[in-house]
């Protein structure tokens, strides 16, 4: 069954002023749609069509670059839309908040480390908050559309928060000011969803 572009749970302008409507419209409807279309084309007629996107990522070394790039693009963006919400931001709560304190040295240190992961990623890529195999949280980054689920990733784990630092995520509004975009991103993080994903990953 072909993969499909997931619907947003909010309007394109719902994250303003932090992320503008035009960026959201192009990012979701053009960029993400292209990853979905290209992924479906790359796996057409193969057994991979029957696999989940998570299982494809976990075995990505078996597949050609078109599957890695577009499969990663689809997985990463599907998570990205989920962990943002209007009237969100603030500080985390629940079990993930406790884990950020115990595993990462507290929320302020996490913010610094997460922003650094995005700022120091040369070119295009993602910053991640992940649950490792031992259940502990970690912060890392990956290039291009790679993610920590992939068997080729330097940092491995289950992503529960991802920040897109490709220029298409911010260039219309922030131009080359990636740090300004990253600061704004903290105002739209849906910590309830992140906590939900954390609890799921811990099971």
N, C-alpha and C. Protein backbone atom coordinates (compact mmCIF):
# COMPACT_ATOMS: atom_id res chain seq x y z
N UNK A 1 0.84 -1.19 0.00
CA UNK A 1 0.00 0.00 0.00
C UNK A 1 0.88 1.24 0.00
N UNK A 2 0.56 2.18 -0.85
CA UNK A 2 1.40 3.37 -1.01
C UNK A 2 1.35 4.24 0.24
N UNK A 3 2.47 4.87 0.54
CA UNK A 3 2.50 5.84 1.63
C UNK A 3 1.75 7.10 1.20
N UNK A 4 1.20 7.81 2.18
CA UNK A 4 0.42 9.02 1.90
C UNK A 4 0.93 10.17 2.75
N UNK A 5 0.72 11.39 2.24
CA UNK A 5 1.05 12.59 2.99
C UNK A 5 0.10 12.72 4.17
N UNK A 6 0.60 12.78 5.40
CA UNK A 6 -0.31 12.92 6.54
C UNK A 6 -0.94 14.31 6.58
N UNK A 7 -2.17 14.36 7.04
CA UNK A 7 -2.84 15.65 7.19
C UNK A 7 -2.31 16.37 8.42
N UNK A 8 -2.26 17.69 8.34
CA UNK A 8 -1.88 18.49 9.51
C UNK A 8 -3.07 18.56 10.46
N UNK A 9 -2.78 18.65 11.75
CA UNK A 9 -3.83 18.78 12.77
C UNK A 9 -4.16 20.24 13.05
N UNK A 10 -3.63 21.15 12.26
CA UNK A 10 -3.80 22.58 12.48
C UNK A 10 -3.65 23.29 11.13
N UNK A 11 -4.10 24.53 11.08
CA UNK A 11 -4.02 25.32 9.85
C UNK A 11 -2.59 25.75 9.58
N UNK A 12 -2.30 26.07 8.31
CA UNK A 12 -0.95 26.51 7.95
C UNK A 12 -0.49 27.71 8.77
N UNK A 13 -1.42 28.60 9.12
CA UNK A 13 -1.05 29.82 9.84
C UNK A 13 -1.11 29.67 11.34
N UNK A 14 -1.39 28.46 11.83
CA UNK A 14 -1.63 28.26 13.26
C UNK A 14 -0.37 28.43 14.12
N UNK A 15 0.81 28.31 13.50
CA UNK A 15 2.05 28.40 14.27
C UNK A 15 2.68 29.79 14.19
N UNK A 16 2.01 30.71 13.51
CA UNK A 16 2.53 32.08 13.45
C UNK A 16 2.47 32.72 14.83
N UNK A 17 3.39 33.66 15.14
CA UNK A 17 4.40 34.24 14.25
C UNK A 17 5.70 33.42 14.18
N UNK A 18 5.75 32.30 14.86
CA UNK A 18 7.01 31.55 14.98
C UNK A 18 7.38 30.87 13.67
N UNK A 19 6.40 30.22 13.04
CA UNK A 19 6.61 29.61 11.72
C UNK A 19 5.48 30.10 10.82
N UNK A 20 5.83 30.75 9.73
CA UNK A 20 4.84 31.44 8.90
C UNK A 20 4.04 30.47 8.03
N UNK A 21 2.85 30.92 7.63
CA UNK A 21 1.92 30.08 6.88
C UNK A 21 2.48 29.64 5.54
N UNK A 22 3.16 30.53 4.83
CA UNK A 22 3.69 30.19 3.51
C UNK A 22 4.75 29.10 3.61
N UNK A 23 5.62 29.20 4.60
CA UNK A 23 6.62 28.15 4.82
C UNK A 23 5.94 26.82 5.11
N UNK A 24 4.92 26.84 5.98
CA UNK A 24 4.22 25.61 6.32
C UNK A 24 3.55 25.00 5.08
N UNK A 25 2.93 25.84 4.28
CA UNK A 25 2.22 25.36 3.10
C UNK A 25 3.18 24.70 2.11
N UNK A 26 4.31 25.35 1.85
CA UNK A 26 5.30 24.80 0.92
C UNK A 26 6.00 23.58 1.51
N UNK A 27 6.35 23.66 2.79
CA UNK A 27 7.08 22.59 3.45
C UNK A 27 6.25 21.30 3.47
N UNK A 28 4.99 21.43 3.84
CA UNK A 28 4.11 20.26 3.93
C UNK A 28 3.64 19.81 2.55
N UNK A 29 3.09 20.72 1.78
CA UNK A 29 2.43 20.35 0.53
C UNK A 29 3.37 20.10 -0.64
N UNK A 30 4.55 20.67 -0.60
CA UNK A 30 5.52 20.50 -1.71
C UNK A 30 6.67 19.58 -1.30
N UNK A 31 7.41 19.97 -0.27
CA UNK A 31 8.59 19.19 0.11
C UNK A 31 8.21 17.79 0.61
N UNK A 32 7.31 17.75 1.61
CA UNK A 32 6.96 16.43 2.16
C UNK A 32 6.24 15.59 1.10
N UNK A 33 5.36 16.21 0.33
CA UNK A 33 4.68 15.46 -0.72
C UNK A 33 5.67 14.85 -1.72
N UNK A 34 6.73 15.58 -2.03
CA UNK A 34 7.75 15.07 -2.95
C UNK A 34 8.45 13.84 -2.36
N UNK A 35 8.74 13.86 -1.05
CA UNK A 35 9.36 12.69 -0.42
C UNK A 35 8.43 11.48 -0.52
N UNK A 36 7.14 11.69 -0.28
CA UNK A 36 6.17 10.59 -0.34
C UNK A 36 6.08 10.04 -1.76
N UNK A 37 5.95 10.92 -2.74
CA UNK A 37 5.86 10.50 -4.14
C UNK A 37 7.10 9.73 -4.57
N UNK A 38 8.26 10.27 -4.24
CA UNK A 38 9.52 9.64 -4.64
C UNK A 38 9.77 8.32 -3.91
N UNK A 39 9.34 8.24 -2.65
CA UNK A 39 9.46 6.98 -1.91
C UNK A 39 8.58 5.91 -2.55
N UNK A 40 7.34 6.26 -2.84
CA UNK A 40 6.43 5.29 -3.46
C UNK A 40 6.99 4.81 -4.80
N UNK A 41 7.56 5.72 -5.56
CA UNK A 41 8.16 5.33 -6.84
C UNK A 41 9.35 4.40 -6.64
N UNK A 42 10.14 4.67 -5.59
CA UNK A 42 11.37 3.89 -5.35
C UNK A 42 11.08 2.47 -4.88
N UNK A 43 9.94 2.26 -4.22
CA UNK A 43 9.65 0.92 -3.68
C UNK A 43 8.56 0.20 -4.49
N UNK A 44 8.07 0.82 -5.54
CA UNK A 44 6.99 0.24 -6.33
C UNK A 44 7.35 -1.17 -6.83
N UNK A 45 6.43 -2.11 -6.60
CA UNK A 45 6.62 -3.47 -7.08
C UNK A 45 7.53 -4.34 -6.24
N UNK A 46 8.01 -3.82 -5.10
CA UNK A 46 8.91 -4.60 -4.23
C UNK A 46 8.20 -4.97 -2.93
N UNK A 47 8.80 -5.90 -2.19
CA UNK A 47 8.22 -6.31 -0.90
C UNK A 47 8.21 -5.16 0.10
N UNK A 48 9.05 -4.17 -0.15
CA UNK A 48 9.15 -3.02 0.75
C UNK A 48 7.83 -2.26 0.85
N UNK A 49 7.00 -2.38 -0.18
CA UNK A 49 5.70 -1.71 -0.17
C UNK A 49 4.83 -2.13 1.01
N UNK A 50 5.07 -3.34 1.53
CA UNK A 50 4.25 -3.88 2.62
C UNK A 50 4.80 -3.53 4.00
N UNK A 51 5.94 -2.87 4.04
CA UNK A 51 6.59 -2.57 5.32
C UNK A 51 6.18 -1.22 5.86
N UNK A 52 6.28 -1.07 7.18
CA UNK A 52 6.04 0.24 7.79
C UNK A 52 7.25 1.12 7.53
N UNK A 53 7.05 2.44 7.62
CA UNK A 53 8.16 3.35 7.41
C UNK A 53 9.22 3.16 8.50
N UNK A 54 8.80 2.79 9.70
CA UNK A 54 9.76 2.54 10.79
C UNK A 54 10.66 1.36 10.46
N UNK A 55 10.06 0.27 9.96
CA UNK A 55 10.86 -0.91 9.63
C UNK A 55 11.78 -0.66 8.44
N UNK A 56 11.32 0.16 7.50
CA UNK A 56 12.19 0.53 6.38
C UNK A 56 13.42 1.28 6.91
N UNK A 57 13.19 2.24 7.80
CA UNK A 57 14.31 3.01 8.37
C UNK A 57 15.28 2.11 9.13
N UNK A 58 14.73 1.17 9.91
CA UNK A 58 15.59 0.32 10.73
C UNK A 58 16.48 -0.59 9.89
N UNK A 59 16.09 -0.82 8.64
CA UNK A 59 16.87 -1.69 7.75
C UNK A 59 17.38 -0.93 6.53
N UNK A 60 17.62 0.36 6.71
CA UNK A 60 17.85 1.23 5.56
C UNK A 60 19.12 0.88 4.78
N UNK A 61 20.08 0.22 5.42
CA UNK A 61 21.32 -0.13 4.73
C UNK A 61 21.08 -1.12 3.59
N UNK A 62 19.92 -1.77 3.58
CA UNK A 62 19.61 -2.75 2.54
C UNK A 62 19.07 -2.09 1.26
N UNK A 63 18.76 -0.80 1.35
CA UNK A 63 18.03 -0.15 0.27
C UNK A 63 18.87 0.90 -0.44
N UNK A 64 18.49 1.25 -1.68
CA UNK A 64 19.22 2.28 -2.42
C UNK A 64 19.00 3.67 -1.84
N UNK A 65 19.81 4.60 -2.33
CA UNK A 65 19.79 5.97 -1.80
C UNK A 65 18.42 6.62 -1.91
N UNK A 66 17.67 6.32 -2.95
CA UNK A 66 16.35 6.93 -3.13
C UNK A 66 15.41 6.56 -2.00
N UNK A 67 15.53 5.34 -1.49
CA UNK A 67 14.69 4.91 -0.36
C UNK A 67 15.18 5.56 0.93
N UNK A 68 16.48 5.60 1.10
CA UNK A 68 17.05 6.23 2.30
C UNK A 68 16.67 7.71 2.38
N UNK A 69 16.85 8.44 1.30
CA UNK A 69 16.59 9.89 1.32
C UNK A 69 15.11 10.20 1.44
N UNK A 70 14.29 9.53 0.67
CA UNK A 70 12.87 9.84 0.66
C UNK A 70 12.11 9.16 1.79
N UNK A 71 12.56 7.96 2.16
CA UNK A 71 11.97 7.30 3.33
C UNK A 71 12.26 8.08 4.59
N UNK A 72 13.50 8.52 4.73
CA UNK A 72 13.85 9.36 5.87
C UNK A 72 13.07 10.66 5.86
N UNK A 73 12.95 11.27 4.68
CA UNK A 73 12.20 12.51 4.57
C UNK A 73 10.75 12.35 5.00
N UNK A 74 10.15 11.22 4.63
CA UNK A 74 8.75 10.97 5.01
C UNK A 74 8.62 10.72 6.52
N UNK A 75 9.48 9.87 7.07
CA UNK A 75 9.41 9.58 8.51
C UNK A 75 9.66 10.85 9.32
N UNK A 76 10.73 11.56 8.98
CA UNK A 76 11.13 12.73 9.76
C UNK A 76 10.05 13.80 9.77
N UNK A 77 9.49 14.09 8.60
CA UNK A 77 8.49 15.14 8.53
C UNK A 77 7.18 14.72 9.19
N UNK A 78 6.83 13.45 9.09
CA UNK A 78 5.61 12.98 9.75
C UNK A 78 5.69 13.21 11.26
N UNK A 79 6.87 12.97 11.83
CA UNK A 79 7.08 13.25 13.25
C UNK A 79 7.08 14.75 13.53
N UNK A 80 7.73 15.49 12.66
CA UNK A 80 7.86 16.95 12.82
C UNK A 80 6.50 17.63 12.95
N UNK A 81 5.56 17.28 12.06
CA UNK A 81 4.23 17.92 12.14
C UNK A 81 3.52 17.55 13.44
N UNK A 82 3.76 16.35 13.93
CA UNK A 82 3.08 15.87 15.14
C UNK A 82 3.55 16.58 16.40
N UNK A 83 4.85 16.90 16.46
CA UNK A 83 5.38 17.42 17.72
C UNK A 83 5.32 18.95 17.78
N UNK A 84 4.62 19.56 16.82
CA UNK A 84 4.35 21.00 16.89
C UNK A 84 2.86 21.23 17.06
N UNK A 85 2.51 22.34 17.69
CA UNK A 85 1.10 22.67 17.87
C UNK A 85 0.97 24.16 18.17
N UNK A 86 -0.18 24.75 17.82
CA UNK A 86 -0.43 26.14 18.22
C UNK A 86 -0.61 26.23 19.73
N UNK A 87 -0.32 27.39 20.28
CA UNK A 87 -0.47 27.62 21.73
C UNK A 87 0.29 26.58 22.54
N UNK A 88 1.46 26.22 22.06
CA UNK A 88 2.27 25.20 22.73
C UNK A 88 3.52 25.87 23.32
N UNK A 89 4.62 25.16 23.29
CA UNK A 89 5.86 25.70 23.87
C UNK A 89 5.89 25.54 25.37
N UNK A 90 6.53 26.46 26.03
CA UNK A 90 6.65 26.37 27.49
C UNK A 90 7.64 25.30 27.90
N UNK A 91 7.37 24.68 29.02
CA UNK A 91 8.27 23.66 29.55
C UNK A 91 7.60 22.30 29.54
N UNK A 92 8.38 21.24 29.43
CA UNK A 92 7.79 19.90 29.41
C UNK A 92 7.20 19.54 30.76
N UNK A 93 6.30 18.56 30.74
CA UNK A 93 5.71 18.05 31.97
C UNK A 93 5.64 16.54 31.88
N UNK A 94 5.20 15.92 32.92
CA UNK A 94 5.06 14.46 32.91
C UNK A 94 6.39 13.75 33.01
N UNK A 95 6.39 12.50 32.58
CA UNK A 95 7.56 11.65 32.72
C UNK A 95 8.75 12.14 31.91
N UNK A 96 8.49 12.72 30.73
CA UNK A 96 9.61 13.18 29.91
C UNK A 96 10.34 14.33 30.59
N UNK A 97 9.61 15.15 31.35
CA UNK A 97 10.24 16.25 32.09
C UNK A 97 11.20 15.69 33.14
N UNK A 98 10.76 14.66 33.84
CA UNK A 98 11.62 14.02 34.84
C UNK A 98 12.86 13.42 34.18
N UNK A 99 12.67 12.81 33.01
CA UNK A 99 13.79 12.19 32.31
C UNK A 99 14.77 13.23 31.80
N UNK A 100 14.26 14.37 31.34
CA UNK A 100 15.14 15.45 30.90
C UNK A 100 15.99 15.94 32.07
N UNK A 101 15.39 16.01 33.24
CA UNK A 101 16.14 16.41 34.43
C UNK A 101 17.21 15.37 34.79
N UNK A 102 16.82 14.11 34.80
CA UNK A 102 17.74 13.07 35.28
C UNK A 102 18.79 12.67 34.24
N UNK A 103 18.40 12.66 32.96
CA UNK A 103 19.31 12.15 31.92
C UNK A 103 20.12 13.26 31.24
N UNK A 104 19.55 14.48 31.19
CA UNK A 104 20.16 15.53 30.37
C UNK A 104 20.56 16.77 31.17
N UNK A 105 20.41 16.72 32.48
CA UNK A 105 20.88 17.84 33.30
C UNK A 105 19.90 19.00 33.42
N UNK A 106 18.63 18.75 33.09
CA UNK A 106 17.62 19.78 33.23
C UNK A 106 17.22 20.43 31.92
N UNK A 107 16.09 21.15 31.96
CA UNK A 107 15.52 21.69 30.73
C UNK A 107 16.41 22.74 30.08
N UNK A 108 16.99 23.63 30.86
CA UNK A 108 17.83 24.68 30.27
C UNK A 108 19.06 24.09 29.58
N UNK A 109 19.65 23.10 30.20
CA UNK A 109 20.80 22.44 29.56
C UNK A 109 20.36 21.70 28.30
N UNK A 110 19.20 21.05 28.37
CA UNK A 110 18.67 20.39 27.17
C UNK A 110 18.47 21.39 26.03
N UNK A 111 17.88 22.55 26.34
CA UNK A 111 17.65 23.56 25.29
C UNK A 111 18.96 23.98 24.64
N UNK A 112 19.98 24.19 25.48
CA UNK A 112 21.30 24.58 24.97
C UNK A 112 21.89 23.49 24.08
N UNK A 113 21.82 22.25 24.55
CA UNK A 113 22.41 21.14 23.80
C UNK A 113 21.64 20.85 22.52
N UNK A 114 20.32 20.96 22.59
CA UNK A 114 19.48 20.70 21.41
C UNK A 114 19.72 21.76 20.35
N UNK A 115 19.79 23.02 20.78
CA UNK A 115 20.07 24.11 19.84
C UNK A 115 21.46 23.96 19.23
N UNK A 116 22.42 23.53 20.05
CA UNK A 116 23.78 23.32 19.53
C UNK A 116 23.81 22.19 18.50
N UNK A 117 23.02 21.14 18.72
CA UNK A 117 22.96 20.03 17.76
C UNK A 117 22.45 20.53 16.41
N UNK A 118 21.48 21.45 16.44
CA UNK A 118 20.97 22.01 15.21
C UNK A 118 21.91 23.02 14.58
N UNK A 119 22.52 23.84 15.42
CA UNK A 119 23.38 24.92 14.91
C UNK A 119 24.68 24.39 14.31
N UNK A 120 25.19 23.30 14.85
CA UNK A 120 26.47 22.77 14.39
C UNK A 120 26.33 21.73 13.30
N UNK A 121 25.10 21.41 12.90
CA UNK A 121 24.89 20.48 11.79
C UNK A 121 25.19 21.23 10.50
N UNK A 122 26.32 20.90 9.88
CA UNK A 122 26.73 21.58 8.66
C UNK A 122 25.80 21.21 7.51
N UNK A 123 25.38 22.21 6.75
CA UNK A 123 24.48 21.94 5.64
C UNK A 123 23.09 21.62 6.15
N UNK A 124 22.49 20.56 5.62
CA UNK A 124 21.12 20.21 5.96
C UNK A 124 21.08 19.01 6.90
N UNK A 125 20.04 18.97 7.73
CA UNK A 125 19.89 17.84 8.64
C UNK A 125 18.84 18.08 9.70
N UNK A 126 18.97 17.33 10.79
CA UNK A 126 17.97 17.35 11.86
C UNK A 126 18.66 17.29 13.23
N UNK A 127 18.03 17.91 14.22
CA UNK A 127 18.41 17.73 15.62
C UNK A 127 17.34 16.86 16.28
N UNK A 128 17.78 15.99 17.19
CA UNK A 128 16.87 14.99 17.76
C UNK A 128 16.95 14.90 19.27
N UNK A 129 15.82 14.60 19.87
CA UNK A 129 15.75 14.08 21.23
C UNK A 129 15.27 12.65 21.10
N UNK A 130 16.06 11.70 21.60
CA UNK A 130 15.78 10.28 21.38
C UNK A 130 15.77 9.51 22.69
N UNK A 131 15.07 8.37 22.65
CA UNK A 131 15.16 7.38 23.72
C UNK A 131 16.07 6.26 23.24
N UNK A 132 17.19 6.06 23.93
CA UNK A 132 18.15 5.03 23.55
C UNK A 132 17.65 3.64 23.97
N UNK A 133 18.35 2.63 23.55
CA UNK A 133 17.96 1.25 23.85
C UNK A 133 17.91 0.99 25.36
N UNK A 134 18.74 1.72 26.12
CA UNK A 134 18.75 1.53 27.58
C UNK A 134 17.68 2.36 28.29
N UNK A 135 16.84 3.06 27.50
CA UNK A 135 15.76 3.85 28.08
C UNK A 135 16.12 5.28 28.44
N UNK A 136 17.41 5.62 28.33
CA UNK A 136 17.85 6.98 28.64
C UNK A 136 17.65 7.91 27.45
N UNK A 137 17.48 9.19 27.74
CA UNK A 137 17.36 10.20 26.68
C UNK A 137 18.73 10.61 26.17
N UNK A 138 18.80 11.01 24.91
CA UNK A 138 20.01 11.60 24.37
C UNK A 138 19.64 12.65 23.33
N UNK A 139 20.56 13.58 23.11
CA UNK A 139 20.41 14.61 22.09
C UNK A 139 21.49 14.38 21.04
N UNK A 140 21.10 14.45 19.75
CA UNK A 140 22.09 14.27 18.69
C UNK A 140 21.57 14.90 17.41
N UNK A 141 22.34 14.79 16.34
CA UNK A 141 21.88 15.28 15.05
C UNK A 141 22.29 14.30 13.96
N UNK A 142 21.58 14.37 12.83
CA UNK A 142 21.88 13.53 11.68
C UNK A 142 21.91 14.40 10.43
N UNK A 143 22.66 13.98 9.41
CA UNK A 143 22.71 14.74 8.16
C UNK A 143 21.52 14.43 7.26
N UNK A 144 21.23 15.37 6.38
CA UNK A 144 20.25 15.17 5.31
C UNK A 144 18.91 14.69 5.88
N UNK A 145 18.36 13.58 5.35
CA UNK A 145 17.11 13.05 5.91
C UNK A 145 17.33 11.76 6.69
N UNK A 146 18.54 11.55 7.17
CA UNK A 146 18.79 10.41 8.05
C UNK A 146 18.11 10.64 9.40
N UNK A 147 17.91 9.56 10.16
CA UNK A 147 17.35 9.68 11.51
C UNK A 147 17.90 8.57 12.39
N UNK A 148 17.73 8.68 13.71
CA UNK A 148 18.34 7.71 14.63
C UNK A 148 17.74 6.31 14.58
N UNK A 149 16.62 6.12 13.89
CA UNK A 149 16.10 4.76 13.71
C UNK A 149 16.96 3.96 12.74
N UNK A 150 17.65 4.65 11.86
CA UNK A 150 18.37 3.99 10.77
C UNK A 150 19.57 3.20 11.28
N UNK A 151 19.77 2.04 10.69
CA UNK A 151 20.89 1.19 11.13
C UNK A 151 22.25 1.75 10.73
N UNK A 152 22.25 2.82 9.93
CA UNK A 152 23.52 3.44 9.53
C UNK A 152 23.81 4.71 10.35
N UNK A 153 22.91 5.07 11.26
CA UNK A 153 23.06 6.33 12.01
C UNK A 153 24.17 6.23 13.05
N UNK A 154 24.89 7.35 13.24
CA UNK A 154 25.91 7.41 14.29
C UNK A 154 25.27 7.39 15.67
N UNK A 155 24.12 8.07 15.79
CA UNK A 155 23.40 8.06 17.06
C UNK A 155 22.11 7.27 16.86
N UNK A 156 21.88 6.27 17.68
CA UNK A 156 20.73 5.39 17.49
C UNK A 156 19.75 5.51 18.66
N UNK A 157 18.48 5.44 18.31
CA UNK A 157 17.43 5.51 19.32
C UNK A 157 16.08 5.73 18.66
N UNK A 158 15.06 5.91 19.48
CA UNK A 158 13.72 6.20 18.99
C UNK A 158 13.47 7.70 19.12
N UNK A 159 13.33 8.42 18.01
CA UNK A 159 13.12 9.87 18.08
C UNK A 159 11.77 10.20 18.71
N UNK A 160 11.76 11.16 19.64
CA UNK A 160 10.51 11.65 20.20
C UNK A 160 10.34 13.15 19.96
N UNK A 161 11.39 13.79 19.46
CA UNK A 161 11.33 15.20 19.09
C UNK A 161 12.38 15.43 18.01
N UNK A 162 11.97 16.04 16.91
CA UNK A 162 12.91 16.32 15.83
C UNK A 162 12.74 17.75 15.35
N UNK A 163 13.85 18.42 15.11
CA UNK A 163 13.83 19.79 14.58
C UNK A 163 14.50 19.80 13.21
N UNK A 164 13.76 20.19 12.20
CA UNK A 164 14.25 20.26 10.83
C UNK A 164 15.13 21.50 10.69
N UNK A 165 16.41 21.31 10.32
CA UNK A 165 17.28 22.46 10.10
C UNK A 165 17.71 22.56 8.63
N UNK A 166 16.93 21.95 7.74
CA UNK A 166 17.08 22.25 6.31
C UNK A 166 16.62 23.69 6.09
N UNK A 167 17.24 24.38 5.14
CA UNK A 167 16.85 25.77 4.90
C UNK A 167 15.39 25.91 4.49
N UNK A 168 14.83 24.88 3.85
CA UNK A 168 13.43 25.01 3.44
C UNK A 168 12.48 25.12 4.62
N UNK A 169 12.95 24.76 5.82
CA UNK A 169 12.12 24.84 7.01
C UNK A 169 11.98 26.27 7.54
N UNK A 170 12.87 27.16 7.12
CA UNK A 170 12.87 28.48 7.75
C UNK A 170 13.26 29.64 6.86
N UNK A 171 13.70 29.38 5.63
CA UNK A 171 14.39 30.43 4.87
C UNK A 171 13.49 31.60 4.48
N UNK A 172 12.22 31.34 4.20
CA UNK A 172 11.33 32.44 3.79
C UNK A 172 11.22 33.51 4.86
N UNK A 173 11.18 33.09 6.11
CA UNK A 173 10.98 34.02 7.22
C UNK A 173 12.28 34.43 7.89
N UNK A 174 13.22 33.50 8.02
CA UNK A 174 14.43 33.75 8.81
C UNK A 174 15.69 33.88 7.96
N UNK A 175 15.57 33.68 6.63
CA UNK A 175 16.73 33.73 5.73
C UNK A 175 17.86 32.84 6.27
N UNK A 176 19.03 33.40 6.50
CA UNK A 176 20.16 32.58 6.96
C UNK A 176 20.28 32.54 8.48
N UNK A 177 19.27 33.00 9.19
CA UNK A 177 19.35 33.10 10.66
C UNK A 177 18.81 31.83 11.31
N UNK A 178 19.52 30.74 11.13
CA UNK A 178 19.08 29.47 11.71
C UNK A 178 18.88 29.56 13.22
N UNK A 179 19.77 30.23 13.98
CA UNK A 179 19.54 30.31 15.43
C UNK A 179 18.22 30.99 15.80
N UNK A 180 17.80 31.99 15.04
CA UNK A 180 16.52 32.65 15.33
C UNK A 180 15.36 31.68 15.11
N UNK A 181 15.43 30.91 14.05
CA UNK A 181 14.41 29.89 13.79
C UNK A 181 14.39 28.85 14.92
N UNK A 182 15.55 28.42 15.38
CA UNK A 182 15.60 27.41 16.42
C UNK A 182 15.02 27.94 17.73
N UNK A 183 15.28 29.20 18.04
CA UNK A 183 14.68 29.81 19.23
C UNK A 183 13.17 29.83 19.11
N UNK A 184 12.67 30.18 17.91
CA UNK A 184 11.23 30.23 17.68
C UNK A 184 10.60 28.84 17.78
N UNK A 185 11.34 27.83 17.36
CA UNK A 185 10.82 26.46 17.37
C UNK A 185 10.39 26.03 18.77
N UNK A 186 11.12 26.48 19.79
CA UNK A 186 10.77 26.10 21.16
C UNK A 186 9.39 26.61 21.58
N UNK A 187 8.86 27.60 20.86
CA UNK A 187 7.53 28.13 21.16
C UNK A 187 6.40 27.31 20.57
N UNK A 188 6.72 26.34 19.74
CA UNK A 188 5.66 25.53 19.12
C UNK A 188 5.78 24.04 19.44
N UNK A 189 6.71 23.66 20.31
CA UNK A 189 6.85 22.25 20.68
C UNK A 189 5.64 21.80 21.49
N UNK A 190 5.02 20.72 21.05
CA UNK A 190 3.87 20.13 21.75
C UNK A 190 4.41 19.11 22.75
N UNK A 191 4.68 19.58 23.96
CA UNK A 191 5.31 18.71 24.95
C UNK A 191 4.41 17.56 25.39
N UNK A 192 3.09 17.73 25.30
CA UNK A 192 2.19 16.63 25.61
C UNK A 192 2.41 15.47 24.64
N UNK A 193 2.59 15.80 23.35
CA UNK A 193 2.85 14.77 22.35
C UNK A 193 4.22 14.14 22.57
N UNK A 194 5.21 14.95 22.89
CA UNK A 194 6.56 14.43 23.15
C UNK A 194 6.52 13.46 24.32
N UNK A 195 5.79 13.83 25.37
CA UNK A 195 5.66 12.95 26.53
C UNK A 195 4.98 11.63 26.16
N UNK A 196 3.95 11.73 25.32
CA UNK A 196 3.25 10.53 24.84
C UNK A 196 4.19 9.62 24.06
N UNK A 197 5.01 10.20 23.19
CA UNK A 197 5.96 9.42 22.41
C UNK A 197 7.05 8.82 23.31
N UNK A 198 7.43 9.56 24.35
CA UNK A 198 8.43 9.07 25.30
C UNK A 198 7.90 7.81 26.01
N UNK A 199 6.67 7.89 26.50
CA UNK A 199 6.09 6.74 27.21
C UNK A 199 5.96 5.54 26.29
N UNK A 200 5.61 5.77 25.05
CA UNK A 200 5.48 4.69 24.06
C UNK A 200 6.84 4.06 23.78
N UNK A 201 7.87 4.90 23.65
CA UNK A 201 9.21 4.39 23.35
C UNK A 201 9.80 3.61 24.51
N UNK A 202 9.37 3.91 25.73
CA UNK A 202 9.90 3.24 26.92
C UNK A 202 9.30 1.85 27.13
N UNK A 203 8.18 1.56 26.47
CA UNK A 203 7.50 0.28 26.70
C UNK A 203 8.34 -0.89 26.16
